[in-house]
Amino acid sequence: QVQLVESGGGLVQPGGSLSLSCAASGIGFRFYTMGWYRQAPGKQRELVATISSFRVTNYADSVKGRFTVSRDNAKNTVSLQMNNLKPEGTAVYSCAARGPSAATFDYWGRGTQVTVSS
């Protein structure tokens, strides 16, 4: 079965850094585009970053220059390095997977909580 499991969430001060990881199983990982989404309290879910099978990346304007998405195909993992975190970054962060022929992200993890607070 397909599983995406996030880890690395926690409490961090404004301006601090945190690294999230997502371990995937049950898919041909190296052929999939991977994405990170977040949902803050009272807000809709938004796209944070994506990385394609060719390691082409894109980012939401709100995180550009501060976040970096990467992948390790040998370990079937995708990571999100978050620097200079802001209070508005408080959210549940989820990873998702999209196959090469799919129009949408088909598989989702349960998410990990990130809290940015003093």
N, C-alpha and C. Protein backbone atom coordinates (compact mmCIF):
# COMPACT_ATOMS: atom_id res chain seq x y z
N GLN A 1 0.83 -1.17 0.00
CA GLN A 1 0.00 0.00 0.00
C GLN A 1 0.88 1.25 0.00
N VAL A 2 0.31 2.35 -0.46
CA VAL A 2 1.03 3.61 -0.53
C VAL A 2 1.00 4.28 0.83
N GLN A 3 2.17 4.74 1.27
CA GLN A 3 2.26 5.47 2.52
C GLN A 3 3.22 6.64 2.37
N LEU A 4 2.81 7.79 2.87
CA LEU A 4 3.66 8.96 3.00
C LEU A 4 3.64 9.36 4.46
N VAL A 5 4.81 9.43 5.08
CA VAL A 5 4.91 9.70 6.50
C VAL A 5 5.86 10.87 6.73
N GLU A 6 5.31 11.96 7.27
CA GLU A 6 6.10 13.15 7.55
C GLU A 6 6.72 13.08 8.94
N SER A 7 7.84 13.77 9.10
CA SER A 7 8.49 13.88 10.40
C SER A 7 9.25 15.20 10.45
N GLY A 8 9.60 15.63 11.66
CA GLY A 8 10.44 16.79 11.84
C GLY A 8 9.73 18.04 12.34
N GLY A 9 8.42 17.98 12.49
CA GLY A 9 7.70 19.13 12.99
C GLY A 9 7.99 19.40 14.45
N GLY A 10 7.61 20.59 14.90
CA GLY A 10 7.83 20.95 16.28
C GLY A 10 7.68 22.43 16.50
N LEU A 11 8.15 22.88 17.66
CA LEU A 11 8.08 24.28 18.06
C LEU A 11 9.41 24.96 17.77
N VAL A 12 9.35 26.12 17.12
CA VAL A 12 10.55 26.87 16.78
C VAL A 12 10.27 28.36 16.95
N GLN A 13 11.29 29.12 17.32
CA GLN A 13 11.15 30.56 17.49
C GLN A 13 11.14 31.27 16.14
N PRO A 14 10.48 32.43 16.05
CA PRO A 14 10.57 33.23 14.83
C PRO A 14 12.03 33.49 14.46
N GLY A 15 12.33 33.35 13.17
CA GLY A 15 13.70 33.48 12.71
C GLY A 15 14.49 32.20 12.73
N GLY A 16 13.95 31.18 13.37
CA GLY A 16 14.63 29.91 13.47
C GLY A 16 14.44 29.04 12.25
N SER A 17 15.01 27.84 12.31
CA SER A 17 14.98 26.91 11.19
C SER A 17 14.45 25.55 11.63
N LEU A 18 13.91 24.84 10.67
CA LEU A 18 13.39 23.51 10.90
C LEU A 18 13.45 22.75 9.59
N SER A 19 13.72 21.45 9.66
CA SER A 19 13.75 20.60 8.48
C SER A 19 12.72 19.49 8.60
N LEU A 20 11.87 19.38 7.60
CA LEU A 20 10.86 18.34 7.54
C LEU A 20 11.28 17.26 6.55
N SER A 21 10.88 16.03 6.83
CA SER A 21 11.14 14.92 5.93
C SER A 21 9.86 14.15 5.68
N CYS A 22 9.78 13.53 4.52
CA CYS A 22 8.65 12.68 4.15
C CYS A 22 9.19 11.41 3.55
N ALA A 23 8.85 10.28 4.15
CA ALA A 23 9.27 8.98 3.67
C ALA A 23 8.12 8.34 2.89
N ALA A 24 8.40 7.92 1.66
CA ALA A 24 7.39 7.34 0.79
C ALA A 24 7.63 5.86 0.58
N SER A 25 6.55 5.11 0.48
CA SER A 25 6.62 3.70 0.13
C SER A 25 5.41 3.32 -0.71
N GLY A 26 5.55 2.27 -1.51
CA GLY A 26 4.44 1.79 -2.31
C GLY A 26 4.25 2.50 -3.64
N ILE A 27 5.18 3.39 -4.01
CA ILE A 27 5.13 4.07 -5.29
C ILE A 27 6.50 4.01 -5.95
N GLY A 28 6.53 4.23 -7.26
CA GLY A 28 7.80 4.38 -7.96
C GLY A 28 8.32 5.78 -7.72
N PHE A 29 8.91 5.98 -6.56
CA PHE A 29 9.20 7.31 -6.05
C PHE A 29 9.95 8.19 -7.05
N ARG A 30 10.96 7.65 -7.70
CA ARG A 30 11.81 8.47 -8.57
C ARG A 30 11.07 9.04 -9.76
N PHE A 31 9.88 8.51 -10.10
CA PHE A 31 9.09 9.00 -11.22
C PHE A 31 8.03 10.01 -10.81
N TYR A 32 7.89 10.26 -9.52
CA TYR A 32 6.81 11.09 -9.01
C TYR A 32 7.27 12.51 -8.69
N THR A 33 6.39 13.46 -8.97
CA THR A 33 6.55 14.80 -8.44
C THR A 33 6.07 14.80 -6.99
N MET A 34 6.86 15.40 -6.12
CA MET A 34 6.52 15.48 -4.71
C MET A 34 6.22 16.93 -4.34
N GLY A 35 5.26 17.10 -3.45
CA GLY A 35 4.87 18.43 -3.03
C GLY A 35 4.73 18.54 -1.53
N TRP A 36 4.89 19.76 -1.05
CA TRP A 36 4.60 20.11 0.34
C TRP A 36 3.48 21.12 0.37
N TYR A 37 2.49 20.88 1.21
CA TYR A 37 1.38 21.78 1.44
C TYR A 37 1.33 22.13 2.92
N ARG A 38 0.64 23.22 3.23
CA ARG A 38 0.41 23.55 4.62
C ARG A 38 -0.99 24.11 4.79
N GLN A 39 -1.53 23.92 5.98
CA GLN A 39 -2.82 24.47 6.33
C GLN A 39 -2.72 25.09 7.71
N ALA A 40 -2.89 26.41 7.76
CA ALA A 40 -2.84 27.15 9.00
C ALA A 40 -4.24 27.21 9.62
N PRO A 41 -4.31 27.47 10.92
CA PRO A 41 -5.63 27.57 11.58
C PRO A 41 -6.52 28.60 10.90
N GLY A 42 -7.74 28.20 10.56
CA GLY A 42 -8.70 29.09 9.93
C GLY A 42 -8.42 29.42 8.48
N LYS A 43 -7.43 28.77 7.88
CA LYS A 43 -7.05 29.05 6.50
C LYS A 43 -7.22 27.82 5.62
N GLN A 44 -7.28 28.04 4.32
CA GLN A 44 -7.32 26.94 3.37
C GLN A 44 -5.92 26.38 3.15
N ARG A 45 -5.86 25.14 2.73
CA ARG A 45 -4.60 24.50 2.42
C ARG A 45 -3.93 25.20 1.23
N GLU A 46 -2.63 25.41 1.31
CA GLU A 46 -1.92 26.07 0.24
C GLU A 46 -0.66 25.30 -0.14
N LEU A 47 -0.29 25.41 -1.39
CA LEU A 47 0.93 24.80 -1.89
C LEU A 47 2.13 25.58 -1.39
N VAL A 48 3.12 24.87 -0.86
CA VAL A 48 4.34 25.49 -0.38
C VAL A 48 5.47 25.32 -1.38
N ALA A 49 5.70 24.09 -1.83
CA ALA A 49 6.80 23.81 -2.73
C ALA A 49 6.57 22.48 -3.44
N THR A 50 7.13 22.35 -4.64
CA THR A 50 7.12 21.08 -5.36
C THR A 50 8.50 20.79 -5.92
N ILE A 51 8.76 19.52 -6.15
CA ILE A 51 9.98 19.10 -6.82
C ILE A 51 9.64 17.95 -7.75
N SER A 52 10.01 18.07 -9.02
CA SER A 52 9.68 17.07 -10.02
C SER A 52 10.68 15.93 -9.99
N SER A 53 10.42 14.91 -10.82
CA SER A 53 11.34 13.78 -10.93
C SER A 53 12.70 14.21 -11.48
N PHE A 54 12.73 15.33 -12.19
CA PHE A 54 13.98 15.89 -12.70
C PHE A 54 14.57 16.94 -11.77
N ARG A 55 14.02 17.06 -10.58
CA ARG A 55 14.47 17.98 -9.56
C ARG A 55 14.26 19.45 -9.94
N VAL A 56 13.27 19.71 -10.80
CA VAL A 56 12.82 21.07 -11.02
C VAL A 56 11.92 21.47 -9.86
N THR A 57 12.17 22.63 -9.29
CA THR A 57 11.45 23.06 -8.09
C THR A 57 10.62 24.31 -8.35
N ASN A 58 9.58 24.48 -7.57
CA ASN A 58 8.87 25.74 -7.51
C ASN A 58 8.37 25.98 -6.10
N TYR A 59 8.16 27.26 -5.78
CA TYR A 59 7.83 27.67 -4.42
C TYR A 59 6.73 28.71 -4.42
N ALA A 60 5.97 28.71 -3.35
CA ALA A 60 5.05 29.81 -3.13
C ALA A 60 5.86 31.10 -2.91
N ASP A 61 5.33 32.22 -3.38
CA ASP A 61 6.03 33.49 -3.23
C ASP A 61 6.33 33.80 -1.76
N SER A 62 5.46 33.37 -0.89
CA SER A 62 5.61 33.68 0.53
C SER A 62 6.81 32.99 1.18
N VAL A 63 7.32 31.93 0.56
CA VAL A 63 8.45 31.20 1.15
C VAL A 63 9.69 31.24 0.29
N LYS A 64 9.61 31.82 -0.89
CA LYS A 64 10.73 31.85 -1.82
C LYS A 64 11.94 32.54 -1.18
N GLY A 65 13.08 31.90 -1.29
CA GLY A 65 14.30 32.42 -0.71
C GLY A 65 14.55 31.96 0.71
N ARG A 66 13.54 31.39 1.36
CA ARG A 66 13.67 30.93 2.74
C ARG A 66 13.56 29.41 2.86
N PHE A 67 12.78 28.80 1.99
CA PHE A 67 12.56 27.35 2.02
C PHE A 67 13.27 26.69 0.86
N THR A 68 13.74 25.45 1.06
CA THR A 68 14.35 24.66 0.01
C THR A 68 13.80 23.24 0.05
N VAL A 69 13.29 22.78 -1.08
CA VAL A 69 12.80 21.41 -1.18
C VAL A 69 13.83 20.57 -1.92
N SER A 70 14.04 19.35 -1.46
CA SER A 70 15.00 18.45 -2.09
C SER A 70 14.49 17.02 -1.99
N ARG A 71 15.13 16.13 -2.75
CA ARG A 71 14.72 14.73 -2.69
C ARG A 71 15.93 13.83 -2.74
N ASP A 72 15.80 12.66 -2.13
CA ASP A 72 16.82 11.63 -2.14
C ASP A 72 16.15 10.37 -2.66
N ASN A 73 16.35 10.08 -3.94
CA ASN A 73 15.66 8.95 -4.56
C ASN A 73 16.14 7.60 -4.02
N ALA A 74 17.39 7.55 -3.55
CA ALA A 74 17.91 6.31 -2.98
C ALA A 74 17.22 5.95 -1.68
N LYS A 75 16.72 6.96 -0.96
CA LYS A 75 16.05 6.75 0.31
C LYS A 75 14.54 6.92 0.22
N ASN A 76 14.03 7.26 -0.95
CA ASN A 76 12.60 7.52 -1.14
C ASN A 76 12.08 8.58 -0.17
N THR A 77 12.83 9.67 -0.06
CA THR A 77 12.44 10.74 0.83
C THR A 77 12.47 12.09 0.12
N VAL A 78 11.63 12.98 0.59
CA VAL A 78 11.64 14.37 0.17
C VAL A 78 11.72 15.22 1.43
N SER A 79 12.49 16.30 1.36
CA SER A 79 12.71 17.15 2.53
C SER A 79 12.31 18.58 2.24
N LEU A 80 12.04 19.31 3.30
CA LEU A 80 11.76 20.74 3.21
C LEU A 80 12.55 21.45 4.28
N GLN A 81 13.59 22.15 3.86
CA GLN A 81 14.40 22.95 4.77
C GLN A 81 13.76 24.33 4.89
N MET A 82 13.38 24.71 6.10
CA MET A 82 12.69 25.96 6.34
C MET A 82 13.58 26.86 7.20
N ASN A 83 13.97 28.00 6.64
CA ASN A 83 14.79 28.97 7.34
C ASN A 83 14.02 30.27 7.56
N ASN A 84 14.48 31.05 8.52
CA ASN A 84 13.86 32.33 8.84
C ASN A 84 12.35 32.20 8.98
N LEU A 85 11.93 31.27 9.81
CA LEU A 85 10.51 31.00 9.98
C LEU A 85 9.78 32.17 10.62
N LYS A 86 8.56 32.36 10.17
CA LYS A 86 7.71 33.45 10.64
C LYS A 86 6.47 32.88 11.34
N PRO A 87 5.86 33.65 12.24
CA PRO A 87 4.67 33.15 12.93
C PRO A 87 3.57 32.67 11.99
N GLU A 88 3.42 33.33 10.85
CA GLU A 88 2.40 32.91 9.89
C GLU A 88 2.73 31.58 9.22
N GLY A 89 3.91 31.05 9.48
CA GLY A 89 4.27 29.72 9.02
C GLY A 89 3.72 28.61 9.90
N THR A 90 3.08 28.96 10.99
CA THR A 90 2.45 27.96 11.85
C THR A 90 1.34 27.25 11.09
N ALA A 91 1.45 25.93 10.97
CA ALA A 91 0.50 25.17 10.17
C ALA A 91 0.81 23.69 10.30
N VAL A 92 -0.12 22.88 9.83
CA VAL A 92 0.15 21.47 9.61
C VAL A 92 0.73 21.33 8.20
N TYR A 93 1.91 20.76 8.12
CA TYR A 93 2.60 20.58 6.85
C TYR A 93 2.44 19.14 6.39
N SER A 94 1.99 18.95 5.14
CA SER A 94 1.75 17.63 4.59
C SER A 94 2.53 17.44 3.30
N CYS A 95 3.00 16.24 3.06
CA CYS A 95 3.61 15.95 1.76
C CYS A 95 2.62 15.19 0.90
N ALA A 96 2.81 15.29 -0.42
CA ALA A 96 1.91 14.68 -1.38
C ALA A 96 2.71 14.19 -2.58
N ALA A 97 2.15 13.23 -3.30
CA ALA A 97 2.82 12.63 -4.45
C ALA A 97 1.91 12.65 -5.67
N ARG A 98 2.49 12.99 -6.83
CA ARG A 98 1.76 13.01 -8.09
C ARG A 98 2.52 12.20 -9.13
N GLY A 99 1.84 11.21 -9.71
CA GLY A 99 2.45 10.36 -10.72
C GLY A 99 2.66 11.08 -12.03
N PRO A 100 3.51 10.53 -12.91
CA PRO A 100 3.85 11.21 -14.17
C PRO A 100 2.67 11.44 -15.11
N SER A 101 1.61 10.64 -15.00
CA SER A 101 0.44 10.79 -15.86
C SER A 101 -0.77 11.38 -15.13
N ALA A 102 -0.58 11.81 -13.90
CA ALA A 102 -1.69 12.29 -13.09
C ALA A 102 -1.81 13.80 -13.15
N ALA A 103 -3.05 14.29 -13.10
CA ALA A 103 -3.32 15.72 -13.11
C ALA A 103 -3.32 16.31 -11.70
N THR A 104 -3.46 15.45 -10.70
CA THR A 104 -3.55 15.90 -9.32
C THR A 104 -2.61 15.08 -8.45
N PHE A 105 -2.38 15.58 -7.25
CA PHE A 105 -1.64 14.82 -6.26
C PHE A 105 -2.54 13.72 -5.72
N ASP A 106 -2.13 12.48 -5.91
CA ASP A 106 -2.97 11.32 -5.62
C ASP A 106 -2.85 10.84 -4.18
N TYR A 107 -1.70 11.03 -3.59
CA TYR A 107 -1.42 10.45 -2.28
C TYR A 107 -0.96 11.53 -1.32
N TRP A 108 -1.40 11.37 -0.07
CA TRP A 108 -1.15 12.38 0.95
C TRP A 108 -0.72 11.75 2.26
N GLY A 109 0.19 12.41 2.94
CA GLY A 109 0.51 12.03 4.29
C GLY A 109 -0.46 12.66 5.27
N ARG A 110 -0.34 12.29 6.53
CA ARG A 110 -1.24 12.80 7.56
C ARG A 110 -0.82 14.17 8.08
N GLY A 111 0.41 14.56 7.86
CA GLY A 111 0.87 15.88 8.24
C GLY A 111 1.66 15.90 9.53
N THR A 112 2.43 16.97 9.69
CA THR A 112 3.18 17.20 10.91
C THR A 112 3.04 18.67 11.31
N GLN A 113 2.86 18.91 12.60
CA GLN A 113 2.60 20.26 13.10
C GLN A 113 3.88 21.06 13.23
N VAL A 114 3.87 22.27 12.68
CA VAL A 114 4.94 23.24 12.87
C VAL A 114 4.36 24.46 13.56
N THR A 115 4.94 24.83 14.68
CA THR A 115 4.49 25.99 15.43
C THR A 115 5.64 26.98 15.56
N VAL A 116 5.44 28.20 15.06
CA VAL A 116 6.45 29.25 15.11
C VAL A 116 5.97 30.29 16.12
N SER A 117 6.63 30.34 17.25
CA SER A 117 6.17 31.19 18.34
C SER A 117 7.30 31.50 19.29
N SER A 118 7.22 32.69 19.92
CA SER A 118 8.17 33.08 20.95
C SER A 118 7.75 32.55 22.32
